[in-house]
Amino acid sequence: MRPLRVLFAGTPEFAVPSLQALLDAGHRVIGVYTQPDRPAGRGQHIQMSPVKSLALQYGLPVYQPTSLRRDPKAAAQLTGLGADLVVVAAYGLLLPKAVLDAPRLGCINVHASLLPRWRGAAPIQRAILAGDSQTGVSIMRMEEGLDTGPVYHRIGTTIAPDETGQSLHDRLAALGAQALLESLPGIADGSLIPELQDDAQATYAPKLSKDEARIDWQAPAVFIERQIRAFNPWPVAYTNLETSLIRLWAAQAESEPGDALPGTIVQADRTGIRVATGFGILRITRLQPAGKRPMSAGEYLNARRLDGARFA
């Protein structure tokens, strides 16, 4: 296929492999849209997005409007660039109809789920949290609805029993780039016909919040384990040990029943801190006390005895 004039819109690390794939394949990326630089980290220093960093390495024009729907000039500037195709991957801003309709080949989205399951902002974490055994990526033709457009291509993958939000993110980012390149020839020549989504099968993946990362020890151990894995590395599951906040980075559910009150520490040694839940035992293997680095359970127990302590 001949190289396409592509506008790319993306912001976080998930989008980087897709932009890199377009560049490596020889497509003419005529501009990159990404969200404005924002404060980040403990020092709240202004940082550019990962996508902007890559774009600048290649000397690509970068555009950072705060909105395309509420800023007609920004939208008009985008449509005036004359792209054959707009490729979107975790951009974070909504595209108005005028933008969606402008490119000759439309706008497509690299989405981190097997649509129509997990439409929305946090499909990777929601799949783990729900206990899904499969997920994947979808290349979707964009329309005004939230991830409702017809799907050109899907690639599925198994969610491993020890999968974290980070590990699944990294695998799906790479799969997204692969699916994008596999789709482009058929999109460009019109031979790839997108499949309508079945709205009746749709589920939604709302944005993550820090509040939902708090552990409820009344929940079953299998759910708490999924919560810890899904929210690694953000917002990180947390609980209180007496008056101290503890972040939980890794744990394993054990099916044996227990008669202790949920949150009670029933055993603690170098293999983990075993805690009673609403059903089953959770063995915590990696945790982070307030103001400290993440550490193994064994390292934590070197400095702290847990006799009679309880999580809440």
C-alpha atoms as a PDB file:
ATOM      1  CA  MET A   1       0.000   0.000   0.000  1.00  0.00           C
ATOM      2  CA  ARG A   2       1.134   3.558  -0.580  1.00  0.00           C
ATOM      3  CA  PRO A   3       2.000   5.599   2.522  1.00  0.00           C
ATOM      4  CA  LEU A   4      -0.943   7.446   4.072  1.00  0.00           C
ATOM      5  CA  ARG A   5      -1.071  11.016   5.356  1.00  0.00           C
ATOM      6  CA  VAL A   6      -1.879  10.285   8.993  1.00  0.00           C
ATOM      7  CA  LEU A   7      -2.726  12.468  11.946  1.00  0.00           C
ATOM      8  CA  PHE A   8      -2.047  10.680  15.224  1.00  0.00           C
ATOM      9  CA  ALA A   9      -3.852  11.508  18.483  1.00  0.00           C
ATOM     10  CA  GLY A  10      -2.688   9.909  21.722  1.00  0.00           C
ATOM     11  CA  THR A  11      -1.271  10.769  25.117  1.00  0.00           C
ATOM     12  CA  PRO A  12       0.002   8.013  27.471  1.00  0.00           C
ATOM     13  CA  GLU A  13       2.469   5.151  27.122  1.00  0.00           C
ATOM     14  CA  PHE A  14      -0.236   2.891  25.677  1.00  0.00           C
ATOM     15  CA  ALA A  15      -0.279   4.999  22.507  1.00  0.00           C
ATOM     16  CA  VAL A  16       3.488   5.071  21.921  1.00  0.00           C
ATOM     17  CA  PRO A  17       3.835   1.676  20.161  1.00  0.00           C
ATOM     18  CA  SER A  18       1.061   2.591  17.711  1.00  0.00           C
ATOM     19  CA  LEU A  19       2.738   5.874  16.742  1.00  0.00           C
ATOM     20  CA  GLN A  20       6.094   4.120  16.465  1.00  0.00           C
ATOM     21  CA  ALA A  21       4.546   1.435  14.240  1.00  0.00           C
ATOM     22  CA  LEU A  22       3.149   4.061  11.853  1.00  0.00           C
ATOM     23  CA  LEU A  23       6.555   5.720  11.601  1.00  0.00           C
ATOM     24  CA  ASP A  24       8.405   2.438  11.103  1.00  0.00           C
ATOM     25  CA  ALA A  25       5.937   1.407   8.379  1.00  0.00           C
ATOM     26  CA  GLY A  26       6.735   4.553   6.415  1.00  0.00           C
ATOM     27  CA  HIS A  27       3.438   6.369   6.742  1.00  0.00           C
ATOM     28  CA  ARG A  28       3.625  10.149   6.623  1.00  0.00           C
ATOM     29  CA  VAL A  29       2.619  11.337  10.091  1.00  0.00           C
ATOM     30  CA  ILE A  30       1.747  14.960   9.334  1.00  0.00           C
ATOM     31  CA  GLY A  31       0.984  15.904  12.920  1.00  0.00           C
ATOM     32  CA  VAL A  32       0.516  14.579  16.433  1.00  0.00           C
ATOM     33  CA  TYR A  33      -2.243  15.614  18.824  1.00  0.00           C
ATOM     34  CA  THR A  34      -1.694  15.044  22.510  1.00  0.00           C
ATOM     35  CA  GLN A  35      -3.004  16.505  25.745  1.00  0.00           C
ATOM     36  CA  PRO A  36      -1.377  19.630  27.198  1.00  0.00           C
ATOM     37  CA  ASP A  37       1.712  19.286  29.385  1.00  0.00           C
ATOM     38  CA  ARG A  38       0.688  18.860  33.018  1.00  0.00           C
ATOM     39  CA  PRO A  39       2.284  18.663  36.484  1.00  0.00           C
ATOM     40  CA  ALA A  40       3.130  15.112  37.542  1.00  0.00           C
ATOM     41  CA  GLY A  41       5.034  13.222  40.217  1.00  0.00           C
ATOM     42  CA  ARG A  42       5.832  14.214  43.775  1.00  0.00           C
ATOM     43  CA  GLY A  43       7.450  17.469  42.714  1.00  0.00           C
ATOM     44  CA  GLN A  44       4.509  18.323  40.434  1.00  0.00           C
ATOM     45  CA  HIS A  45       6.919  19.379  37.693  1.00  0.00           C
ATOM     46  CA  ILE A  46       5.388  20.079  34.291  1.00  0.00           C
ATOM     47  CA  GLN A  47       5.870  17.035  32.076  1.00  0.00           C
ATOM     48  CA  MET A  48       5.137  16.327  28.434  1.00  0.00           C
ATOM     49  CA  SER A  49       3.192  13.227  27.499  1.00  0.00           C
ATOM     50  CA  PRO A  50       5.019  10.093  26.320  1.00  0.00           C
ATOM     51  CA  VAL A  51       3.482  10.586  22.865  1.00  0.00           C
ATOM     52  CA  LYS A  52       4.765  14.158  22.652  1.00  0.00           C
ATOM     53  CA  SER A  53       8.229  12.990  23.670  1.00  0.00           C
ATOM     54  CA  LEU A  54       8.317  10.480  20.805  1.00  0.00           C
ATOM     55  CA  ALA A  55       6.893  12.985  18.317  1.00  0.00           C
ATOM     56  CA  LEU A  56       9.608  15.517  19.146  1.00  0.00           C
ATOM     57  CA  GLN A  57      12.300  12.867  18.645  1.00  0.00           C
ATOM     58  CA  TYR A  58      11.094  12.587  15.045  1.00  0.00           C
ATOM     59  CA  GLY A  59      10.584  16.323  14.557  1.00  0.00           C
ATOM     60  CA  LEU A  60       6.831  15.949  14.062  1.00  0.00           C
ATOM     61  CA  PRO A  61       4.465  18.915  14.471  1.00  0.00           C
ATOM     62  CA  VAL A  62       2.715  18.671  17.853  1.00  0.00           C
ATOM     63  CA  TYR A  63      -0.704  20.168  18.668  1.00  0.00           C
ATOM     64  CA  GLN A  64      -2.024  20.367  22.229  1.00  0.00           C
ATOM     65  CA  PRO A  65      -5.488  21.942  22.371  1.00  0.00           C
ATOM     66  CA  THR A  66      -7.345  21.739  25.665  1.00  0.00           C
ATOM     67  CA  SER A  67     -10.522  20.821  23.777  1.00  0.00           C
ATOM     68  CA  LEU A  68     -11.629  20.109  20.224  1.00  0.00           C
ATOM     69  CA  ARG A  69     -15.361  20.195  20.933  1.00  0.00           C
ATOM     70  CA  ARG A  70     -15.365  23.579  22.664  1.00  0.00           C
ATOM     71  CA  ASP A  71     -12.689  25.179  20.494  1.00  0.00           C
ATOM     72  CA  PRO A  72     -13.894  25.565  16.891  1.00  0.00           C
ATOM     73  CA  LYS A  73     -10.568  27.072  15.820  1.00  0.00           C
ATOM     74  CA  ALA A  74      -8.634  24.032  17.049  1.00  0.00           C
ATOM     75  CA  ALA A  75     -11.060  21.693  15.298  1.00  0.00           C
ATOM     76  CA  ALA A  76     -10.847  23.724  12.081  1.00  0.00           C
ATOM     77  CA  GLN A  77      -7.053  23.626  12.231  1.00  0.00           C
ATOM     78  CA  LEU A  78      -7.134  19.825  12.482  1.00  0.00           C
ATOM     79  CA  THR A  79      -9.561  19.366   9.602  1.00  0.00           C
ATOM     80  CA  GLY A  80      -7.497  21.761   7.493  1.00  0.00           C
ATOM     81  CA  LEU A  81      -4.387  19.579   7.692  1.00  0.00           C
ATOM     82  CA  GLY A  82      -5.780  17.298   5.000  1.00  0.00           C
ATOM     83  CA  ALA A  83      -5.141  13.896   6.578  1.00  0.00           C
ATOM     84  CA  ASP A  84      -6.177  10.698   4.821  1.00  0.00           C
ATOM     85  CA  LEU A  85      -6.774   9.134   8.226  1.00  0.00           C
ATOM     86  CA  VAL A  86      -6.795  10.059  11.905  1.00  0.00           C
ATOM     87  CA  VAL A  87      -5.490   7.336  14.238  1.00  0.00           C
ATOM     88  CA  VAL A  88      -6.490   7.708  17.893  1.00  0.00           C
ATOM     89  CA  ALA A  89      -5.021   5.740  20.811  1.00  0.00           C
ATOM     90  CA  ALA A  90      -5.923   6.785  24.365  1.00  0.00           C
ATOM     91  CA  TYR A  91      -6.002  10.470  23.417  1.00  0.00           C
ATOM     92  CA  GLY A  92      -8.331  11.535  26.208  1.00  0.00           C
ATOM     93  CA  LEU A  93     -10.222  14.267  24.321  1.00  0.00           C
ATOM     94  CA  LEU A  94     -13.520  13.840  22.470  1.00  0.00           C
ATOM     95  CA  LEU A  95     -13.557  14.465  18.731  1.00  0.00           C
ATOM     96  CA  PRO A  96     -16.466  16.527  17.337  1.00  0.00           C
ATOM     97  CA  LYS A  97     -18.426  15.307  14.330  1.00  0.00           C
ATOM     98  CA  ALA A  98     -16.686  17.762  12.018  1.00  0.00           C
ATOM     99  CA  VAL A  99     -13.348  16.163  12.883  1.00  0.00           C
ATOM    100  CA  LEU A 100     -14.694  12.606  12.635  1.00  0.00           C
ATOM    101  CA  ASP A 101     -16.038  13.308   9.152  1.00  0.00           C
ATOM    102  CA  ALA A 102     -13.072  15.251   7.770  1.00  0.00           C
ATOM    103  CA  PRO A 103     -10.440  12.621   6.825  1.00  0.00           C
ATOM    104  CA  ARG A 104     -10.931  10.732   3.583  1.00  0.00           C
ATOM    105  CA  LEU A 105     -10.715   7.402   5.438  1.00  0.00           C
ATOM    106  CA  GLY A 106     -12.297   8.620   8.670  1.00  0.00           C
ATOM    107  CA  CYS A 107     -10.980   8.283  12.211  1.00  0.00           C
ATOM    108  CA  ILE A 108     -10.035   4.970  13.801  1.00  0.00           C
ATOM    109  CA  ASN A 109      -9.337   4.087  17.407  1.00  0.00           C
ATOM    110  CA  VAL A 110      -6.940   1.567  18.942  1.00  0.00           C
ATOM    111  CA  HIS A 111      -8.964   0.334  21.917  1.00  0.00           C
ATOM    112  CA  ALA A 112      -7.699  -1.994  24.662  1.00  0.00           C
ATOM    113  CA  SER A 113     -10.578  -4.471  24.798  1.00  0.00           C
ATOM    114  CA  LEU A 114     -12.585  -6.839  22.650  1.00  0.00           C
ATOM    115  CA  LEU A 115     -15.433  -4.474  21.890  1.00  0.00           C
ATOM    116  CA  PRO A 116     -18.283  -4.246  22.748  1.00  0.00           C
ATOM    117  CA  ARG A 117     -16.975  -5.469  26.105  1.00  0.00           C
ATOM    118  CA  TRP A 118     -15.400  -2.713  28.164  1.00  0.00           C
ATOM    119  CA  ARG A 119     -16.187   0.464  26.323  1.00  0.00           C
ATOM    120  CA  GLY A 120     -14.778   3.474  28.142  1.00  0.00           C
ATOM    121  CA  ALA A 121     -11.724   4.813  29.917  1.00  0.00           C
ATOM    122  CA  ALA A 122     -10.273   1.874  31.889  1.00  0.00           C
ATOM    123  CA  PRO A 123     -10.822  -1.361  29.931  1.00  0.00           C
ATOM    124  CA  ILE A 124      -7.534  -2.982  30.990  1.00  0.00           C
ATOM    125  CA  GLN A 125      -8.113  -2.720  34.730  1.00  0.00           C
ATOM    126  CA  ARG A 126     -11.837  -3.519  34.497  1.00  0.00           C
ATOM    127  CA  ALA A 127     -11.123  -6.774  32.660  1.00  0.00           C
ATOM    128  CA  ILE A 128      -8.789  -7.934  35.436  1.00  0.00           C
ATOM    129  CA  LEU A 129     -11.116  -6.732  38.191  1.00  0.00           C
ATOM    130  CA  ALA A 130     -14.049  -8.646  36.676  1.00  0.00           C
ATOM    131  CA  GLY A 131     -12.047 -11.857  36.467  1.00  0.00           C
ATOM    132  CA  ASP A 132     -12.198 -12.056  32.662  1.00  0.00           C
ATOM    133  CA  SER A 133     -10.131 -14.867  31.161  1.00  0.00           C
ATOM    134  CA  GLN A 134      -9.753 -13.143  27.779  1.00  0.00           C
ATOM    135  CA  THR A 135      -9.306  -9.617  26.508  1.00  0.00           C
ATOM    136  CA  GLY A 136      -7.575  -8.002  23.554  1.00  0.00           C
ATOM    137  CA  VAL A 137      -7.516  -4.982  21.274  1.00  0.00           C
ATOM    138  CA  SER A 138      -9.973  -3.641  18.723  1.00  0.00           C
ATOM    139  CA  ILE A 139      -9.481  -1.305  15.778  1.00  0.00           C
ATOM    140  CA  MET A 140     -12.720   0.652  15.586  1.00  0.00           C
ATOM    141  CA  ARG A 141     -14.097   3.257  13.201  1.00  0.00           C
ATOM    142  CA  MET A 142     -14.954   6.192  15.424  1.00  0.00           C
ATOM    143  CA  GLU A 143     -18.365   7.796  15.687  1.00  0.00           C
ATOM    144  CA  GLU A 144     -19.909  10.204  18.191  1.00  0.00           C
ATOM    145  CA  GLY A 145     -20.903   7.528  20.730  1.00  0.00           C
ATOM    146  CA  LEU A 146     -18.514   6.244  23.414  1.00  0.00           C
ATOM    147  CA  ASP A 147     -16.593   3.417  21.685  1.00  0.00           C
ATOM    148  CA  THR A 148     -19.746   2.434  19.798  1.00  0.00           C
ATOM    149  CA  GLY A 149     -18.374   2.437  16.249  1.00  0.00           C
ATOM    150  CA  PRO A 150     -18.033  -0.626  14.002  1.00  0.00           C
ATOM    151  CA  VAL A 151     -14.918  -2.761  14.453  1.00  0.00           C
ATOM    152  CA  TYR A 152     -12.429  -3.445  11.668  1.00  0.00           C
ATOM    153  CA  HIS A 153     -10.197  -5.918  13.468  1.00  0.00           C
ATOM    154  CA  ARG A 154      -9.687  -7.641  16.826  1.00  0.00           C
ATOM    155  CA  ILE A 155      -6.774  -9.531  18.353  1.00  0.00           C
ATOM    156  CA  GLY A 156      -7.477 -11.524  21.516  1.00  0.00           C
ATOM    157  CA  THR A 157      -5.184 -12.639  24.321  1.00  0.00           C
ATOM    158  CA  THR A 158      -5.482 -14.661  27.524  1.00  0.00           C
ATOM    159  CA  ILE A 159      -5.328 -12.836  30.850  1.00  0.00           C
ATOM    160  CA  ALA A 160      -2.717 -14.656  32.939  1.00  0.00           C
ATOM    161  CA  PRO A 161      -3.583 -15.658  36.532  1.00  0.00           C
ATOM    162  CA  ASP A 162      -0.909 -13.270  37.861  1.00  0.00           C
ATOM    163  CA  GLU A 163      -1.618 -10.468  35.360  1.00  0.00           C
ATOM    164  CA  THR A 164      -1.342  -6.925  36.671  1.00  0.00           C
ATOM    165  CA  GLY A 165      -2.662  -3.710  35.216  1.00  0.00           C
ATOM    166  CA  GLN A 166       0.892  -2.869  34.131  1.00  0.00           C
ATOM    167  CA  SER A 167       1.741  -6.186  32.493  1.00  0.00           C
ATOM    168  CA  LEU A 168      -1.553  -6.349  30.602  1.00  0.00           C
ATOM    169  CA  HIS A 169      -1.205  -2.705  29.563  1.00  0.00           C
ATOM    170  CA  ASP A 170       2.214  -3.403  28.057  1.00  0.00           C
ATOM    171  CA  ARG A 171       1.040  -6.480  26.154  1.00  0.00           C
ATOM    172  CA  LEU A 172      -2.076  -4.769  24.806  1.00  0.00           C
ATOM    173  CA  ALA A 173      -0.107  -1.693  23.739  1.00  0.00           C
ATOM    174  CA  ALA A 174       2.071  -3.939  21.563  1.00  0.00           C
ATOM    175  CA  LEU A 175      -0.954  -5.859  20.261  1.00  0.00           C
ATOM    176  CA  GLY A 176      -2.652  -2.560  19.441  1.00  0.00           C
ATOM    177  CA  ALA A 177       0.249  -1.529  17.223  1.00  0.00           C
ATOM    178  CA  GLN A 178       0.155  -4.932  15.515  1.00  0.00           C
ATOM    179  CA  ALA A 179      -3.609  -4.763  14.944  1.00  0.00           C
ATOM    180  CA  LEU A 180      -3.298  -1.225  13.574  1.00  0.00           C
ATOM    181  CA  LEU A 181      -0.748  -2.200  10.934  1.00  0.00           C
ATOM    182  CA  GLU A 182      -2.724  -5.315  10.013  1.00  0.00           C
ATOM    183  CA  SER A 183      -5.852  -3.206   9.481  1.00  0.00           C
ATOM    184  CA  LEU A 184      -4.472  -0.309   7.462  1.00  0.00           C
ATOM    185  CA  PRO A 185      -4.195  -1.931   4.018  1.00  0.00           C
ATOM    186  CA  GLY A 186      -7.832  -3.055   4.068  1.00  0.00           C
ATOM    187  CA  ILE A 187      -9.024   0.279   5.441  1.00  0.00           C
ATOM    188  CA  ALA A 188      -7.054   2.157   2.795  1.00  0.00           C
ATOM    189  CA  ASP A 189      -8.411   0.182  -0.185  1.00  0.00           C
ATOM    190  CA  GLY A 190     -11.914  -0.318   1.220  1.00  0.00           C
ATOM    191  CA  SER A 191     -11.720  -4.107   1.300  1.00  0.00           C
ATOM    192  CA  LEU A 192     -11.981  -4.354   5.098  1.00  0.00           C
ATOM    193  CA  ILE A 193     -15.607  -3.895   6.100  1.00  0.00           C
ATOM    194  CA  PRO A 194     -16.130  -3.015   9.764  1.00  0.00           C
ATOM    195  CA  GLU A 195     -18.499  -5.141  11.820  1.00  0.00           C
ATOM    196  CA  LEU A 196     -21.293  -3.454  13.770  1.00  0.00           C
ATOM    197  CA  GLN A 197     -21.091  -3.912  17.525  1.00  0.00           C
ATOM    198  CA  ASP A 198     -23.875  -5.675  19.404  1.00  0.00           C
ATOM    199  CA  ASP A 199     -24.963  -3.003  21.864  1.00  0.00           C
ATOM    200  CA  ALA A 200     -26.803  -5.612  23.946  1.00  0.00           C
ATOM    201  CA  GLN A 201     -23.416  -7.169  24.814  1.00  0.00           C
ATOM    202  CA  ALA A 202     -21.775  -3.884  25.794  1.00  0.00           C
ATOM    203  CA  THR A 203     -20.185  -3.345  29.188  1.00  0.00           C
ATOM    204  CA  TYR A 204     -18.643  -0.111  30.426  1.00  0.00           C
ATOM    205  CA  ALA A 205     -15.238   0.617  31.936  1.00  0.00           C
ATOM    206  CA  PRO A 206     -15.466   3.867  33.910  1.00  0.00           C
ATOM    207  CA  LYS A 207     -12.386   5.831  34.869  1.00  0.00           C
ATOM    208  CA  LEU A 208     -10.513   4.532  37.915  1.00  0.00           C
ATOM    209  CA  SER A 209     -10.729   6.343  41.239  1.00  0.00           C
ATOM    210  CA  LYS A 210      -8.552   6.182  44.324  1.00  0.00           C
ATOM    211  CA  ASP A 211     -11.610   5.487  46.491  1.00  0.00           C
ATOM    212  CA  GLU A 212     -12.338   2.143  44.834  1.00  0.00           C
ATOM    213  CA  ALA A 213      -8.771   0.999  45.523  1.00  0.00           C
ATOM    214  CA  ARG A 214      -9.535   0.736  49.251  1.00  0.00           C
ATOM    215  CA  ILE A 215      -9.701  -2.902  50.344  1.00  0.00           C
ATOM    216  CA  ASP A 216     -12.967  -4.155  51.834  1.00  0.00           C
ATOM    217  CA  TRP A 217     -11.943  -7.195  53.859  1.00  0.00           C
ATOM    218  CA  GLN A 218     -15.543  -8.433  53.845  1.00  0.00           C
ATOM    219  CA  ALA A 219     -15.077  -9.210  50.136  1.00  0.00           C
ATOM    220  CA  PRO A 220     -13.859 -12.672  49.020  1.00  0.00           C
ATOM    221  CA  ALA A 221     -10.116 -13.220  48.815  1.00  0.00           C
ATOM    222  CA  VAL A 222     -10.311 -13.907  45.063  1.00  0.00           C
ATOM    223  CA  PHE A 223     -11.849 -10.476  44.444  1.00  0.00           C
ATOM    224  CA  ILE A 224      -9.329  -8.667  46.656  1.00  0.00           C
ATOM    225  CA  GLU A 225      -6.487 -10.386  44.801  1.00  0.00           C
ATOM    226  CA  ARG A 226      -7.929  -9.174  41.471  1.00  0.00           C
ATOM    227  CA  GLN A 227      -8.295  -5.685  42.934  1.00  0.00           C
ATOM    228  CA  ILE A 228      -4.632  -5.632  43.927  1.00  0.00           C
ATOM    229  CA  ARG A 229      -3.521  -6.847  40.499  1.00  0.00           C
ATOM    230  CA  ALA A 230      -5.835  -4.543  38.538  1.00  0.00           C
ATOM    231  CA  PHE A 231      -4.781  -1.407  40.425  1.00  0.00           C
ATOM    232  CA  ASN A 232      -1.044  -2.081  40.061  1.00  0.00           C
ATOM    233  CA  PRO A 233       0.574   0.388  39.286  1.00  0.00           C
ATOM    234  CA  TRP A 234      -2.278   2.917  39.763  1.00  0.00           C
ATOM    235  CA  PRO A 235      -4.088   3.821  41.937  1.00  0.00           C
ATOM    236  CA  VAL A 236      -2.627   0.914  44.023  1.00  0.00           C
ATOM    237  CA  ALA A 237      -4.877  -1.011  46.413  1.00  0.00           C
ATOM    238  CA  TYR A 238      -4.610   0.165  50.001  1.00  0.00           C
ATOM    239  CA  THR A 239      -5.803  -0.582  53.503  1.00  0.00           C
ATOM    240  CA  ASN A 240      -5.085   0.424  57.087  1.00  0.00           C
ATOM    241  CA  LEU A 241      -3.060  -1.582  59.567  1.00  0.00           C
ATOM    242  CA  GLU A 242      -4.291  -0.109  62.810  1.00  0.00           C
ATOM    243  CA  THR A 243      -3.656   3.625  62.156  1.00  0.00           C
ATOM    244  CA  SER A 244      -1.097   3.261  59.338  1.00  0.00           C
ATOM    245  CA  LEU A 245      -1.906   3.260  55.625  1.00  0.00           C
ATOM    246  CA  ILE A 246      -0.474   0.281  53.735  1.00  0.00           C
ATOM    247  CA  ARG A 247      -0.430  -0.142  49.948  1.00  0.00           C
ATOM    248  CA  LEU A 248      -0.714  -3.681  48.644  1.00  0.00           C
ATOM    249  CA  TRP A 249       1.231  -4.584  45.491  1.00  0.00           C
ATOM    250  CA  ALA A 250       0.943  -8.372  45.269  1.00  0.00           C
ATOM    251  CA  ALA A 251      -1.098 -11.096  46.949  1.00  0.00           C
ATOM    252  CA  GLN A 252      -2.552 -14.545  46.328  1.00  0.00           C
ATOM    253  CA  ALA A 253      -5.984 -15.859  47.261  1.00  0.00           C
ATOM    254  CA  GLU A 254      -6.080 -19.149  49.155  1.00  0.00           C
ATOM    255  CA  SER A 255      -9.321 -21.087  49.100  1.00  0.00           C
ATOM    256  CA  GLU A 256      -9.157 -22.566  52.588  1.00  0.00           C
ATOM    257  CA  PRO A 257     -11.977 -21.238  54.775  1.00  0.00           C
ATOM    258  CA  GLY A 258     -11.280 -19.372  57.960  1.00  0.00           C
ATOM    259  CA  ASP A 259     -13.380 -18.511  60.986  1.00  0.00           C
ATOM    260  CA  ALA A 260     -11.497 -15.339  61.935  1.00  0.00           C
ATOM    261  CA  LEU A 261     -13.035 -11.910  61.461  1.00  0.00           C
ATOM    262  CA  PRO A 262     -12.253 -10.330  58.050  1.00  0.00           C
ATOM    263  CA  GLY A 263      -9.046  -8.305  58.258  1.00  0.00           C
ATOM    264  CA  THR A 264      -7.538 -10.502  60.979  1.00  0.00           C
ATOM    265  CA  ILE A 265      -3.928 -11.555  60.414  1.00  0.00           C
ATOM    266  CA  VAL A 266      -3.956 -15.328  60.921  1.00  0.00           C
ATOM    267  CA  GLN A 267      -0.284 -16.000  60.117  1.00  0.00           C
ATOM    268  CA  ALA A 268       2.771 -13.986  59.094  1.00  0.00           C
ATOM    269  CA  ASP A 269       6.123 -15.317  57.935  1.00  0.00           C
ATOM    270  CA  ARG A 270       8.573 -14.853  55.069  1.00  0.00           C
ATOM    271  CA  THR A 271       6.136 -16.494  52.618  1.00  0.00           C
ATOM    272  CA  GLY A 272       3.520 -13.829  53.240  1.00  0.00           C
ATOM    273  CA  ILE A 273       1.035 -12.217  55.570  1.00  0.00           C
ATOM    274  CA  ARG A 274      -2.137 -14.327  55.611  1.00  0.00           C
ATOM    275  CA  VAL A 275      -5.320 -12.348  56.249  1.00  0.00           C
ATOM    276  CA  ALA A 276      -8.896 -13.535  56.764  1.00  0.00           C
ATOM    277  CA  THR A 277     -11.449 -12.159  54.286  1.00  0.00           C
ATOM    278  CA  GLY A 278     -15.177 -12.540  53.751  1.00  0.00           C
ATOM    279  CA  PHE A 279     -14.394 -15.856  52.093  1.00  0.00           C
ATOM    280  CA  GLY A 280     -10.971 -17.474  52.047  1.00  0.00           C
ATOM    281  CA  ILE A 281      -7.519 -16.276  53.017  1.00  0.00           C
ATOM    282  CA  LEU A 282      -5.444 -13.618  51.236  1.00  0.00           C
ATOM    283  CA  ARG A 283      -1.674 -14.048  51.404  1.00  0.00           C
ATOM    284  CA  ILE A 284       0.013 -10.662  50.963  1.00  0.00           C
ATOM    285  CA  THR A 285       3.471 -11.017  49.423  1.00  0.00           C
ATOM    286  CA  ARG A 286       4.424  -7.418  48.587  1.00  0.00           C
ATOM    287  CA  LEU A 287       3.378  -4.246  50.378  1.00  0.00           C
ATOM    288  CA  GLN A 288       4.375  -0.640  50.951  1.00  0.00           C
ATOM    289  CA  PRO A 289       4.181   1.135  54.314  1.00  0.00           C
ATOM    290  CA  ALA A 290       3.478   4.869  54.237  1.00  0.00           C
ATOM    291  CA  GLY A 291       6.591   6.825  53.278  1.00  0.00           C
ATOM    292  CA  LYS A 292       8.559   3.678  52.393  1.00  0.00           C
ATOM    293  CA  ARG A 293       9.370   1.787  49.201  1.00  0.00           C
ATOM    294  CA  PRO A 294       7.483  -1.373  48.181  1.00  0.00           C
ATOM    295  CA  MET A 295       8.963  -4.446  49.863  1.00  0.00           C
ATOM    296  CA  SER A 296       8.408  -8.167  50.278  1.00  0.00           C
ATOM    297  CA  ALA A 297       6.427  -9.468  53.222  1.00  0.00           C
ATOM    298  CA  GLY A 298       9.639 -10.944  54.606  1.00  0.00           C
ATOM    299  CA  GLU A 299      11.403  -7.571  54.517  1.00  0.00           C
ATOM    300  CA  TYR A 300       8.445  -5.917  56.206  1.00  0.00           C
ATOM    301  CA  LEU A 301       8.357  -8.515  58.978  1.00  0.00           C
ATOM    302  CA  ASN A 302      12.046  -7.947  59.698  1.00  0.00           C
ATOM    303  CA  ALA A 303      11.117  -4.537  61.052  1.00  0.00           C
ATOM    304  CA  ARG A 304       7.610  -5.106  62.420  1.00  0.00           C
ATOM    305  CA  ARG A 305       5.835  -7.730  64.511  1.00  0.00           C
ATOM    306  CA  LEU A 306       2.162  -8.259  63.732  1.00  0.00           C
ATOM    307  CA  ASP A 307       1.012 -10.102  66.851  1.00  0.00           C
ATOM    308  CA  GLY A 308      -2.619  -9.147  67.419  1.00  0.00           C
ATOM    309  CA  ALA A 309      -2.644  -6.614  64.550  1.00  0.00           C
ATOM    310  CA  ARG A 310      -5.597  -6.342  62.189  1.00  0.00           C
ATOM    311  CA  PHE A 311      -6.242  -4.749  58.801  1.00  0.00           C
ATOM    312  CA  ALA A 312      -9.241  -2.448  58.456  1.00  0.00           C
END
